[in-house]
Structures are given as structure tokens and as C-alpha cells.
Amino acid sequence: MSQRTRVLSARWRGDLEKLCELHGLTLEQAMSKQRFRIFVDARSACYRYLRAEGWSYPEIGGLFGRDHTSISYAISDNEERKQIHKQRARAAYQRMMGRARLAAMQ
């Protein structure tokens, strides 16, 4: 598995550190192999940021010590989770409103 590496500039490092701080982690913790949700979410945010900055999947994978397919899966998986969360929130709101209507009718 040959992964290209790219130099992490001071600007990108600073931006990634700020992203990780939002998740309550350091950049080094986010780059670890830990698989707890907090680490995964922080890493996914870093992946999305670097991808938006023009980094390729192999370059991001090389930086984080992962295969490029793991990076693309993490980015797409996060989008799926957002959609599922929206659907669940919408369903919960509809249930709440239905109960409120029933209570008002009684």
C-alpha cells in the first residue's frame, strides 16, 4: 500500500488543532488508533476539512496512517449518520406533536 505523504503546514495544523479542540481532544489524540465515538468524530471532521482544502484521499490517509478507502468511508459514513439523525429527530417531533394534539382533545 503506497500512500503519498504531504507536508502539514502550520496553517493546516492550527486549523486541525482547533477542530479537535471543539471535540475536546488534541490533534495527537485524534490521530491515534482509538475507536471511541469521540475520536472517530474528531477524525472525520479533520478528514472533511482536509478534503475541502484539496487534499486527496491517499494524502489524508498517509497523514493519519490509514488507507485511503478508510478516509472515503469515514467521510461518506458521517453524511449517512447526519441523514439518519435528521429522520429520527423529525419522527420524534411528529410523535410529540401527535401526543400534544391528543392531550388537547381530551
PDB file of N, CA and C in Angstrom:
ATOM      1  N   MET A   1       0.863  -1.169   0.000  1.00  0.00           N
ATOM      2  CA  MET A   1       0.000   0.000   0.000  1.00  0.00           C
ATOM      3  C   MET A   1       0.907   1.228   0.000  1.00  0.00           C
ATOM      4  N   SER A   2       0.929   1.899  -1.093  1.00  0.00           N
ATOM      5  CA  SER A   2       1.755   3.086  -1.246  1.00  0.00           C
ATOM      6  C   SER A   2       0.894   4.329  -1.093  1.00  0.00           C
ATOM      7  N   GLN A   3       1.135   5.057  -0.010  1.00  0.00           N
ATOM      8  CA  GLN A   3       0.360   6.265   0.220  1.00  0.00           C
ATOM      9  C   GLN A   3       1.271   7.475   0.109  1.00  0.00           C
ATOM     10  N   ARG A   4       0.801   8.467  -0.615  1.00  0.00           N
ATOM     11  CA  ARG A   4       1.576   9.691  -0.753  1.00  0.00           C
ATOM     12  C   ARG A   4       1.474  10.476   0.542  1.00  0.00           C
ATOM     13  N   THR A   5       2.547  11.155   0.872  1.00  0.00           N
ATOM     14  CA  THR A   5       2.514  11.996   2.058  1.00  0.00           C
ATOM     15  C   THR A   5       2.584  13.452   1.635  1.00  0.00           C
ATOM     16  N   ARG A   6       2.024  14.297   2.426  1.00  0.00           N
ATOM     17  CA  ARG A   6       2.007  15.728   2.152  1.00  0.00           C
ATOM     18  C   ARG A   6       2.378  16.426   3.442  1.00  0.00           C
ATOM     19  N   VAL A   7       3.102  17.505   3.317  1.00  0.00           N
ATOM     20  CA  VAL A   7       3.548  18.242   4.491  1.00  0.00           C
ATOM     21  C   VAL A   7       2.369  19.012   5.077  1.00  0.00           C
ATOM     22  N   LEU A   8       2.211  18.891   6.375  1.00  0.00           N
ATOM     23  CA  LEU A   8       1.139  19.590   7.075  1.00  0.00           C
ATOM     24  C   LEU A   8       1.665  20.966   7.473  1.00  0.00           C
ATOM     25  N   SER A   9       1.184  21.999   6.781  1.00  0.00           N
ATOM     26  CA  SER A   9       1.666  23.355   7.048  1.00  0.00           C
ATOM     27  C   SER A   9       1.178  23.828   8.412  1.00  0.00           C
ATOM     28  N   ALA A  10       1.752  24.906   8.890  1.00  0.00           N
ATOM     29  CA  ALA A  10       1.387  25.461  10.192  1.00  0.00           C
ATOM     30  C   ALA A  10      -0.076  25.903  10.194  1.00  0.00           C
ATOM     31  N   ARG A  11      -0.554  26.424   9.082  1.00  0.00           N
ATOM     32  CA  ARG A  11      -1.953  26.861   8.999  1.00  0.00           C
ATOM     33  C   ARG A  11      -2.897  25.676   9.129  1.00  0.00           C
ATOM     34  N   TRP A  12      -2.617  24.601   8.363  1.00  0.00           N
ATOM     35  CA  TRP A  12      -3.476  23.426   8.424  1.00  0.00           C
ATOM     36  C   TRP A  12      -3.409  22.774   9.802  1.00  0.00           C
ATOM     37  N   ARG A  13      -2.202  22.705  10.364  1.00  0.00           N
ATOM     38  CA  ARG A  13      -2.056  22.111  11.696  1.00  0.00           C
ATOM     39  C   ARG A  13      -2.872  22.909  12.713  1.00  0.00           C
ATOM     40  N   GLY A  14      -2.797  24.223  12.651  1.00  0.00           N
ATOM     41  CA  GLY A  14      -3.562  25.068  13.563  1.00  0.00           C
ATOM     42  C   GLY A  14      -5.059  24.868  13.404  1.00  0.00           C
ATOM     43  N   ASP A  15      -5.513  24.775  12.155  1.00  0.00           N
ATOM     44  CA  ASP A  15      -6.936  24.564  11.899  1.00  0.00           C
ATOM     45  C   ASP A  15      -7.390  23.200  12.415  1.00  0.00           C
ATOM     46  N   LEU A  16      -6.568  22.169  12.199  1.00  0.00           N
ATOM     47  CA  LEU A  16      -6.919  20.837  12.692  1.00  0.00           C
ATOM     48  C   LEU A  16      -6.937  20.800  14.216  1.00  0.00           C
ATOM     49  N   GLU A  17      -5.994  21.499  14.843  1.00  0.00           N
ATOM     50  CA  GLU A  17      -5.973  21.547  16.307  1.00  0.00           C
ATOM     51  C   GLU A  17      -7.234  22.223  16.845  1.00  0.00           C
ATOM     52  N   LYS A  18      -7.689  23.282  16.171  1.00  0.00           N
ATOM     53  CA  LYS A  18      -8.923  23.949  16.594  1.00  0.00           C
ATOM     54  C   LYS A  18     -10.126  23.026  16.427  1.00  0.00           C
ATOM     55  N   LEU A  19     -10.173  22.292  15.318  1.00  0.00           N
ATOM     56  CA  LEU A  19     -11.255  21.334  15.103  1.00  0.00           C
ATOM     57  C   LEU A  19     -11.283  20.282  16.210  1.00  0.00           C
ATOM     58  N   CYS A  20     -10.114  19.788  16.557  1.00  0.00           N
ATOM     59  CA  CYS A  20     -10.028  18.768  17.599  1.00  0.00           C
ATOM     60  C   CYS A  20     -10.411  19.334  18.961  1.00  0.00           C
ATOM     61  N   GLU A  21     -10.049  20.582  19.221  1.00  0.00           N
ATOM     62  CA  GLU A  21     -10.431  21.228  20.481  1.00  0.00           C
ATOM     63  C   GLU A  21     -11.944  21.277  20.620  1.00  0.00           C
ATOM     64  N   LEU A  22     -12.657  21.508  19.527  1.00  0.00           N
ATOM     65  CA  LEU A  22     -14.120  21.530  19.559  1.00  0.00           C
ATOM     66  C   LEU A  22     -14.687  20.189  20.019  1.00  0.00           C
ATOM     67  N   HIS A  23     -13.936  19.123  19.766  1.00  0.00           N
ATOM     68  CA  HIS A  23     -14.349  17.782  20.185  1.00  0.00           C
ATOM     69  C   HIS A  23     -13.747  17.405  21.541  1.00  0.00           C
ATOM     70  N   GLY A  24     -12.979  18.314  22.124  1.00  0.00           N
ATOM     71  CA  GLY A  24     -12.379  18.050  23.430  1.00  0.00           C
ATOM     72  C   GLY A  24     -11.133  17.185  23.374  1.00  0.00           C
ATOM     73  N   LEU A  25     -10.447  17.181  22.247  1.00  0.00           N
ATOM     74  CA  LEU A  25      -9.252  16.357  22.074  1.00  0.00           C
ATOM     75  C   LEU A  25      -8.093  17.192  21.551  1.00  0.00           C
ATOM     76  N   THR A  26      -6.914  16.628  21.626  1.00  0.00           N
ATOM     77  CA  THR A  26      -5.762  17.222  20.961  1.00  0.00           C
ATOM     78  C   THR A  26      -5.635  16.565  19.586  1.00  0.00           C
ATOM     79  N   LEU A  27      -4.855  17.162  18.715  1.00  0.00           N
ATOM     80  CA  LEU A  27      -4.662  16.595  17.380  1.00  0.00           C
ATOM     81  C   LEU A  27      -4.008  15.215  17.478  1.00  0.00           C
ATOM     82  N   GLU A  28      -3.066  15.051  18.395  1.00  0.00           N
ATOM     83  CA  GLU A  28      -2.388  13.773  18.559  1.00  0.00           C
ATOM     84  C   GLU A  28      -3.370  12.690  19.004  1.00  0.00           C
ATOM     85  N   GLN A  29      -4.309  13.047  19.887  1.00  0.00           N
ATOM     86  CA  GLN A  29      -5.320  12.079  20.312  1.00  0.00           C
ATOM     87  C   GLN A  29      -6.220  11.704  19.140  1.00  0.00           C
ATOM     88  N   ALA A  30      -6.604  12.684  18.342  1.00  0.00           N
ATOM     89  CA  ALA A  30      -7.474  12.411  17.195  1.00  0.00           C
ATOM     90  C   ALA A  30      -6.773  11.538  16.162  1.00  0.00           C
ATOM     91  N   MET A  31      -5.470  11.642  16.059  1.00  0.00           N
ATOM     92  CA  MET A  31      -4.718  10.865  15.086  1.00  0.00           C
ATOM     93  C   MET A  31      -4.407   9.454  15.593  1.00  0.00           C
ATOM     94  N   SER A  32      -4.761   9.171  16.845  1.00  0.00           N
ATOM     95  CA  SER A  32      -4.484   7.850  17.416  1.00  0.00           C
ATOM     96  C   SER A  32      -5.387   6.790  16.785  1.00  0.00           C
ATOM     97  N   LYS A  33      -5.188   5.561  17.180  1.00  0.00           N
ATOM     98  CA  LYS A  33      -5.981   4.449  16.650  1.00  0.00           C
ATOM     99  C   LYS A  33      -7.225   4.174  17.491  1.00  0.00           C
ATOM    100  N   GLN A  34      -7.507   5.018  18.495  1.00  0.00           N
ATOM    101  CA  GLN A  34      -8.684   4.830  19.351  1.00  0.00           C
ATOM    102  C   GLN A  34      -9.954   4.807  18.503  1.00  0.00           C
ATOM    103  N   ARG A  35     -10.918   3.949  18.897  1.00  0.00           N
ATOM    104  CA  ARG A  35     -12.137   3.822  18.109  1.00  0.00           C
ATOM    105  C   ARG A  35     -13.389   4.261  18.864  1.00  0.00           C
ATOM    106  N   PHE A  36     -13.211   4.972  19.958  1.00  0.00           N
ATOM    107  CA  PHE A  36     -14.366   5.519  20.661  1.00  0.00           C
ATOM    108  C   PHE A  36     -14.991   6.609  19.782  1.00  0.00           C
ATOM    109  N   ARG A  37     -16.300   6.808  19.921  1.00  0.00           N
ATOM    110  CA  ARG A  37     -17.033   7.732  19.067  1.00  0.00           C
ATOM    111  C   ARG A  37     -16.422   9.129  19.049  1.00  0.00           C
ATOM    112  N   ILE A  38     -15.961   9.625  20.203  1.00  0.00           N
ATOM    113  CA  ILE A  38     -15.397  10.978  20.257  1.00  0.00           C
ATOM    114  C   ILE A  38     -14.169  11.104  19.357  1.00  0.00           C
ATOM    115  N   PHE A  39     -13.341  10.069  19.317  1.00  0.00           N
ATOM    116  CA  PHE A  39     -12.150  10.071  18.473  1.00  0.00           C
ATOM    117  C   PHE A  39     -12.536   9.978  17.000  1.00  0.00           C
ATOM    118  N   VAL A  40     -13.492   9.112  16.707  1.00  0.00           N
ATOM    119  CA  VAL A  40     -13.942   8.914  15.326  1.00  0.00           C
ATOM    120  C   VAL A  40     -14.545  10.200  14.766  1.00  0.00           C
ATOM    121  N   ASP A  41     -15.376  10.863  15.576  1.00  0.00           N
ATOM    122  CA  ASP A  41     -15.999  12.107  15.120  1.00  0.00           C
ATOM    123  C   ASP A  41     -14.958  13.198  14.875  1.00  0.00           C
ATOM    124  N   ALA A  42     -13.970  13.305  15.750  1.00  0.00           N
ATOM    125  CA  ALA A  42     -12.912  14.309  15.577  1.00  0.00           C
ATOM    126  C   ALA A  42     -12.103  14.026  14.314  1.00  0.00           C
ATOM    127  N   ARG A  43     -11.758  12.749  14.107  1.00  0.00           N
ATOM    128  CA  ARG A  43     -11.008  12.380  12.903  1.00  0.00           C
ATOM    129  C   ARG A  43     -11.819  12.672  11.647  1.00  0.00           C
ATOM    130  N   SER A  44     -13.101  12.347  11.665  1.00  0.00           N
ATOM    131  CA  SER A  44     -13.945  12.594  10.493  1.00  0.00           C
ATOM    132  C   SER A  44     -14.004  14.081  10.161  1.00  0.00           C
ATOM    133  N   ALA A  45     -14.070  14.912  11.198  1.00  0.00           N
ATOM    134  CA  ALA A  45     -14.072  16.364  10.968  1.00  0.00           C
ATOM    135  C   ALA A  45     -12.757  16.794  10.323  1.00  0.00           C
ATOM    136  N   CYS A  46     -11.658  16.218  10.782  1.00  0.00           N
ATOM    137  CA  CYS A  46     -10.350  16.539  10.196  1.00  0.00           C
ATOM    138  C   CYS A  46     -10.279  16.077   8.745  1.00  0.00           C
ATOM    139  N   TYR A  47     -10.781  14.878   8.485  1.00  0.00           N
ATOM    140  CA  TYR A  47     -10.785  14.356   7.111  1.00  0.00           C
ATOM    141  C   TYR A  47     -11.570  15.285   6.190  1.00  0.00           C
ATOM    142  N   ARG A  48     -12.771  15.671   6.621  1.00  0.00           N
ATOM    143  CA  ARG A  48     -13.616  16.535   5.791  1.00  0.00           C
ATOM    144  C   ARG A  48     -12.949  17.886   5.542  1.00  0.00           C
ATOM    145  N   TYR A  49     -12.307  18.433   6.578  1.00  0.00           N
ATOM    146  CA  TYR A  49     -11.625  19.723   6.421  1.00  0.00           C
ATOM    147  C   TYR A  49     -10.506  19.604   5.376  1.00  0.00           C
ATOM    148  N   LEU A  50      -9.653  18.583   5.525  1.00  0.00           N
ATOM    149  CA  LEU A  50      -8.538  18.433   4.591  1.00  0.00           C
ATOM    150  C   LEU A  50      -9.037  18.155   3.179  1.00  0.00           C
ATOM    151  N   ARG A  51     -10.104  17.384   3.064  1.00  0.00           N
ATOM    152  CA  ARG A  51     -10.667  17.106   1.741  1.00  0.00           C
ATOM    153  C   ARG A  51     -11.173  18.401   1.102  1.00  0.00           C
ATOM    154  N   ALA A  52     -11.815  19.251   1.893  1.00  0.00           N
ATOM    155  CA  ALA A  52     -12.301  20.540   1.382  1.00  0.00           C
ATOM    156  C   ALA A  52     -11.149  21.452   0.988  1.00  0.00           C
ATOM    157  N   GLU A  53      -9.989  21.266   1.617  1.00  0.00           N
ATOM    158  CA  GLU A  53      -8.806  22.065   1.300  1.00  0.00           C
ATOM    159  C   GLU A  53      -8.054  21.534   0.077  1.00  0.00           C
ATOM    160  N   GLY A  54      -8.567  20.474  -0.533  1.00  0.00           N
ATOM    161  CA  GLY A  54      -7.960  19.974  -1.762  1.00  0.00           C
ATOM    162  C   GLY A  54      -7.041  18.786  -1.593  1.00  0.00           C
ATOM    163  N   TRP A  55      -6.982  18.218  -0.411  1.00  0.00           N
ATOM    164  CA  TRP A  55      -6.156  17.035  -0.192  1.00  0.00           C
ATOM    165  C   TRP A  55      -6.851  15.827  -0.818  1.00  0.00           C
ATOM    166  N   SER A  56      -6.060  14.894  -1.340  1.00  0.00           N
ATOM    167  CA  SER A  56      -6.630  13.665  -1.893  1.00  0.00           C
ATOM    168  C   SER A  56      -6.807  12.644  -0.769  1.00  0.00           C
ATOM    169  N   TYR A  57      -7.598  11.608  -1.032  1.00  0.00           N
ATOM    170  CA  TYR A  57      -7.805  10.559  -0.035  1.00  0.00           C
ATOM    171  C   TYR A  57      -6.473   9.888   0.354  1.00  0.00           C
ATOM    172  N   PRO A  58      -5.598   9.545  -0.606  1.00  0.00           N
ATOM    173  CA  PRO A  58      -4.319   8.944  -0.219  1.00  0.00           C
ATOM    174  C   PRO A  58      -3.445   9.886   0.628  1.00  0.00           C
ATOM    175  N   GLU A  59      -3.501  11.189   0.355  1.00  0.00           N
ATOM    176  CA  GLU A  59      -2.713  12.134   1.144  1.00  0.00           C
ATOM    177  C   GLU A  59      -3.230  12.216   2.579  1.00  0.00           C
ATOM    178  N   ILE A  60      -4.542  12.252   2.741  1.00  0.00           N
ATOM    179  CA  ILE A  60      -5.123  12.292   4.082  1.00  0.00           C
ATOM    180  C   ILE A  60      -4.813  10.986   4.807  1.00  0.00           C
ATOM    181  N   GLY A  61      -4.957   9.876   4.087  1.00  0.00           N
ATOM    182  CA  GLY A  61      -4.646   8.576   4.683  1.00  0.00           C
ATOM    183  C   GLY A  61      -3.195   8.477   5.120  1.00  0.00           C
ATOM    184  N   GLY A  62      -2.286   9.013   4.310  1.00  0.00           N
ATOM    185  CA  GLY A  62      -0.872   8.998   4.675  1.00  0.00           C
ATOM    186  C   GLY A  62      -0.598   9.800   5.935  1.00  0.00           C
ATOM    187  N   LEU A  63      -1.278  10.918   6.091  1.00  0.00           N
ATOM    188  CA  LEU A  63      -1.097  11.760   7.268  1.00  0.00           C
ATOM    189  C   LEU A  63      -1.602  11.065   8.528  1.00  0.00           C
ATOM    190  N   PHE A  64      -2.738  10.386   8.427  1.00  0.00           N
ATOM    191  CA  PHE A  64      -3.353   9.754   9.593  1.00  0.00           C
ATOM    192  C   PHE A  64      -2.962   8.282   9.756  1.00  0.00           C
ATOM    193  N   GLY A  65      -2.145   7.763   8.845  1.00  0.00           N
ATOM    194  CA  GLY A  65      -1.708   6.371   8.950  1.00  0.00           C
ATOM    195  C   GLY A  65      -2.823   5.382   8.630  1.00  0.00           C
ATOM    196  N   ARG A  66      -3.663   5.726   7.676  1.00  0.00           N
ATOM    197  CA  ARG A  66      -4.784   4.880   7.297  1.00  0.00           C
ATOM    198  C   ARG A  66      -4.842   4.748   5.776  1.00  0.00           C
ATOM    199  N   ASP A  67      -5.576   3.752   5.333  1.00  0.00           N
ATOM    200  CA  ASP A  67      -5.762   3.539   3.908  1.00  0.00           C
ATOM    201  C   ASP A  67      -6.732   4.581   3.353  1.00  0.00           C
ATOM    202  N   HIS A  68      -6.579   4.935   2.093  1.00  0.00           N
ATOM    203  CA  HIS A  68      -7.444   5.959   1.501  1.00  0.00           C
ATOM    204  C   HIS A  68      -8.914   5.546   1.499  1.00  0.00           C
ATOM    205  N   THR A  69      -9.187   4.239   1.432  1.00  0.00           N
ATOM    206  CA  THR A  69     -10.581   3.791   1.452  1.00  0.00           C
ATOM    207  C   THR A  69     -11.222   4.039   2.820  1.00  0.00           C
ATOM    208  N   SER A  70     -10.439   3.983   3.875  1.00  0.00           N
ATOM    209  CA  SER A  70     -10.956   4.288   5.218  1.00  0.00           C
ATOM    210  C   SER A  70     -11.377   5.742   5.305  1.00  0.00           C
ATOM    211  N   ILE A  71     -10.613   6.605   4.643  1.00  0.00           N
ATOM    212  CA  ILE A  71     -10.924   8.033   4.655  1.00  0.00           C
ATOM    213  C   ILE A  71     -12.226   8.288   3.904  1.00  0.00           C
ATOM    214  N   SER A  72     -12.364   7.718   2.706  1.00  0.00           N
ATOM    215  CA  SER A  72     -13.585   7.948   1.928  1.00  0.00           C
ATOM    216  C   SER A  72     -14.801   7.361   2.637  1.00  0.00           C
ATOM    217  N   TYR A  73     -14.651   6.220   3.298  1.00  0.00           N
ATOM    218  CA  TYR A  73     -15.759   5.630   4.041  1.00  0.00           C
ATOM    219  C   TYR A  73     -16.150   6.509   5.221  1.00  0.00           C
ATOM    220  N   ALA A  74     -15.167   7.029   5.938  1.00  0.00           N
ATOM    221  CA  ALA A  74     -15.457   7.870   7.106  1.00  0.00           C
ATOM    222  C   ALA A  74     -16.198   9.135   6.687  1.00  0.00           C
ATOM    223  N   ILE A  75     -15.825   9.712   5.578  1.00  0.00           N
ATOM    224  CA  ILE A  75     -16.492  10.933   5.115  1.00  0.00           C
ATOM    225  C   ILE A  75     -17.923  10.612   4.685  1.00  0.00           C
ATOM    226  N   SER A  76     -18.130   9.540   3.928  1.00  0.00           N
ATOM    227  CA  SER A  76     -19.483   9.201   3.469  1.00  0.00           C
ATOM    228  C   SER A  76     -20.333   8.688   4.623  1.00  0.00           C
ATOM    229  N   ASP A  77     -19.746   7.950   5.559  1.00  0.00           N
ATOM    230  CA  ASP A  77     -20.481   7.419   6.708  1.00  0.00           C
ATOM    231  C   ASP A  77     -21.036   8.554   7.551  1.00  0.00           C
ATOM    232  N   ASN A  78     -20.285   9.615   7.698  1.00  0.00           N
ATOM    233  CA  ASN A  78     -20.733  10.740   8.506  1.00  0.00           C
ATOM    234  C   ASN A  78     -21.958  11.402   7.876  1.00  0.00           C
ATOM    235  N   GLU A  79     -21.979  11.512   6.570  1.00  0.00           N
ATOM    236  CA  GLU A  79     -23.127  12.098   5.887  1.00  0.00           C
ATOM    237  C   GLU A  79     -24.367  11.224   6.088  1.00  0.00           C
ATOM    238  N   GLU A  80     -24.186   9.898   6.058  1.00  0.00           N
ATOM    239  CA  GLU A  80     -25.309   8.991   6.299  1.00  0.00           C
ATOM    240  C   GLU A  80     -25.843   9.168   7.714  1.00  0.00           C
ATOM    241  N   ARG A  81     -24.947   9.285   8.693  1.00  0.00           N
ATOM    242  CA  ARG A  81     -25.368   9.464  10.080  1.00  0.00           C
ATOM    243  C   ARG A  81     -26.150  10.750  10.262  1.00  0.00           C
ATOM    244  N   LYS A  82     -25.761  11.808   9.567  1.00  0.00           N
ATOM    245  CA  LYS A  82     -26.497  13.069   9.654  1.00  0.00           C
ATOM    246  C   LYS A  82     -27.921  12.892   9.140  1.00  0.00           C
ATOM    247  N   GLN A  83     -28.083  12.178   8.032  1.00  0.00           N
ATOM    248  CA  GLN A  83     -29.403  11.959   7.470  1.00  0.00           C
ATOM    249  C   GLN A  83     -30.266  11.122   8.417  1.00  0.00           C
ATOM    250  N   ILE A  84     -29.679  10.090   9.002  1.00  0.00           N
ATOM    251  CA  ILE A  84     -30.417   9.246   9.947  1.00  0.00           C
ATOM    252  C   ILE A  84     -30.843  10.066  11.156  1.00  0.00           C
ATOM    253  N   HIS A  85     -29.943  10.909  11.659  1.00  0.00           N
ATOM    254  CA  HIS A  85     -30.263  11.751  12.808  1.00  0.00           C
ATOM    255  C   HIS A  85     -31.421  12.695  12.484  1.00  0.00           C
ATOM    256  N   LYS A  86     -31.405  13.284  11.293  1.00  0.00           N
ATOM    257  CA  LYS A  86     -32.493  14.181  10.891  1.00  0.00           C
ATOM    258  C   LYS A  86     -33.818  13.433  10.825  1.00  0.00           C
ATOM    259  N   GLN A  87     -33.797  12.222  10.277  1.00  0.00           N
ATOM    260  CA  GLN A  87     -35.025  11.432  10.171  1.00  0.00           C
ATOM    261  C   GLN A  87     -35.564  11.077  11.550  1.00  0.00           C
ATOM    262  N   ARG A  88     -34.674  10.690  12.457  1.00  0.00           N
ATOM    263  CA  ARG A  88     -35.105  10.341  13.817  1.00  0.00           C
ATOM    264  C   ARG A  88     -35.650  11.561  14.541  1.00  0.00           C
ATOM    265  N   ALA A  89     -35.010  12.702  14.375  1.00  0.00           N
ATOM    266  CA  ALA A  89     -35.483  13.925  15.025  1.00  0.00           C
ATOM    267  C   ALA A  89     -36.851  14.317  14.485  1.00  0.00           C
ATOM    268  N   ARG A  90     -37.037  14.194  13.185  1.00  0.00           N
ATOM    269  CA  ARG A  90     -38.323  14.520  12.576  1.00  0.00           C
ATOM    270  C   ARG A  90     -39.419  13.590  13.102  1.00  0.00           C
ATOM    271  N   ALA A  91     -39.118  12.291  13.190  1.00  0.00           N
ATOM    272  CA  ALA A  91     -40.098  11.326  13.689  1.00  0.00           C
ATOM    273  C   ALA A  91     -40.434  11.605  15.152  1.00  0.00           C
ATOM    274  N   ALA A  92     -39.436  11.938  15.964  1.00  0.00           N
ATOM    275  CA  ALA A  92     -39.673  12.245  17.376  1.00  0.00           C
ATOM    276  C   ALA A  92     -40.539  13.489  17.507  1.00  0.00           C
ATOM    277  N   TYR A  93     -40.298  14.488  16.686  1.00  0.00           N
ATOM    278  CA  TYR A  93     -41.106  15.715  16.709  1.00  0.00           C
ATOM    279  C   TYR A  93     -42.550  15.399  16.337  1.00  0.00           C
ATOM    280  N   GLN A  94     -42.742  14.581  15.317  1.00  0.00           N
ATOM    281  CA  GLN A  94     -44.094  14.227  14.900  1.00  0.00           C
ATOM    282  C   GLN A  94     -44.822  13.452  15.996  1.00  0.00           C
ATOM    283  N   ARG A  95     -44.125  12.535  16.680  1.00  0.00           N
ATOM    284  CA  ARG A  95     -44.741  11.812  17.795  1.00  0.00           C
ATOM    285  C   ARG A  95     -45.143  12.769  18.904  1.00  0.00           C
ATOM    286  N   MET A  96     -44.251  13.718  19.231  1.00  0.00           N
ATOM    287  CA  MET A  96     -44.524  14.686  20.283  1.00  0.00           C
ATOM    288  C   MET A  96     -45.753  15.531  19.928  1.00  0.00           C
ATOM    289  N   MET A  97     -45.826  15.973  18.684  1.00  0.00           N
ATOM    290  CA  MET A  97     -46.959  16.792  18.264  1.00  0.00           C
ATOM    291  C   MET A  97     -48.253  15.977  18.274  1.00  0.00           C
ATOM    292  N   GLY A  98     -48.179  14.722  17.899  1.00  0.00           N
ATOM    293  CA  GLY A  98     -49.351  13.863  17.947  1.00  0.00           C
ATOM    294  C   GLY A  98     -49.866  13.688  19.365  1.00  0.00           C
ATOM    295  N   ARG A  99     -48.949  13.497  20.297  1.00  0.00           N
ATOM    296  CA  ARG A  99     -49.357  13.376  21.708  1.00  0.00           C
ATOM    297  C   ARG A  99     -49.957  14.667  22.212  1.00  0.00           C
ATOM    298  N   ALA A 100     -49.389  15.797  21.802  1.00  0.00           N
ATOM    299  CA  ALA A 100     -49.920  17.096  22.232  1.00  0.00           C
ATOM    300  C   ALA A 100     -51.335  17.302  21.691  1.00  0.00           C
ATOM    301  N   ARG A 101     -51.577  16.884  20.461  1.00  0.00           N
ATOM    302  CA  ARG A 101     -52.915  17.002  19.884  1.00  0.00           C
ATOM    303  C   ARG A 101     -53.918  16.131  20.633  1.00  0.00           C
ATOM    304  N   LEU A 102     -53.506  14.908  20.960  1.00  0.00           N
ATOM    305  CA  LEU A 102     -54.388  14.019  21.709  1.00  0.00           C
ATOM    306  C   LEU A 102     -54.697  14.579  23.086  1.00  0.00           C
ATOM    307  N   ALA A 103     -53.708  15.123  23.746  1.00  0.00           N
ATOM    308  CA  ALA A 103     -53.900  15.707  25.086  1.00  0.00           C
ATOM    309  C   ALA A 103     -54.833  16.910  25.010  1.00  0.00           C
ATOM    310  N   ALA A 104     -54.728  17.690  23.948  1.00  0.00           N
ATOM    311  CA  ALA A 104     -55.581  18.883  23.799  1.00  0.00           C
ATOM    312  C   ALA A 104     -57.032  18.486  23.528  1.00  0.00           C
ATOM    313  N   MET A 105     -57.214  17.348  22.892  1.00  0.00           N
ATOM    314  CA  MET A 105     -58.569  16.899  22.569  1.00  0.00           C
ATOM    315  C   MET A 105     -59.308  16.339  23.787  1.00  0.00           C
ATOM    316  N   GLN A 106     -58.557  15.901  24.785  1.00  0.00           N
ATOM    317  CA  GLN A 106     -59.177  15.279  25.962  1.00  0.00           C
ATOM    318  C   GLN A 106     -59.564  16.274  27.001  1.00  0.00           C
TER     319      GLN A 106
END
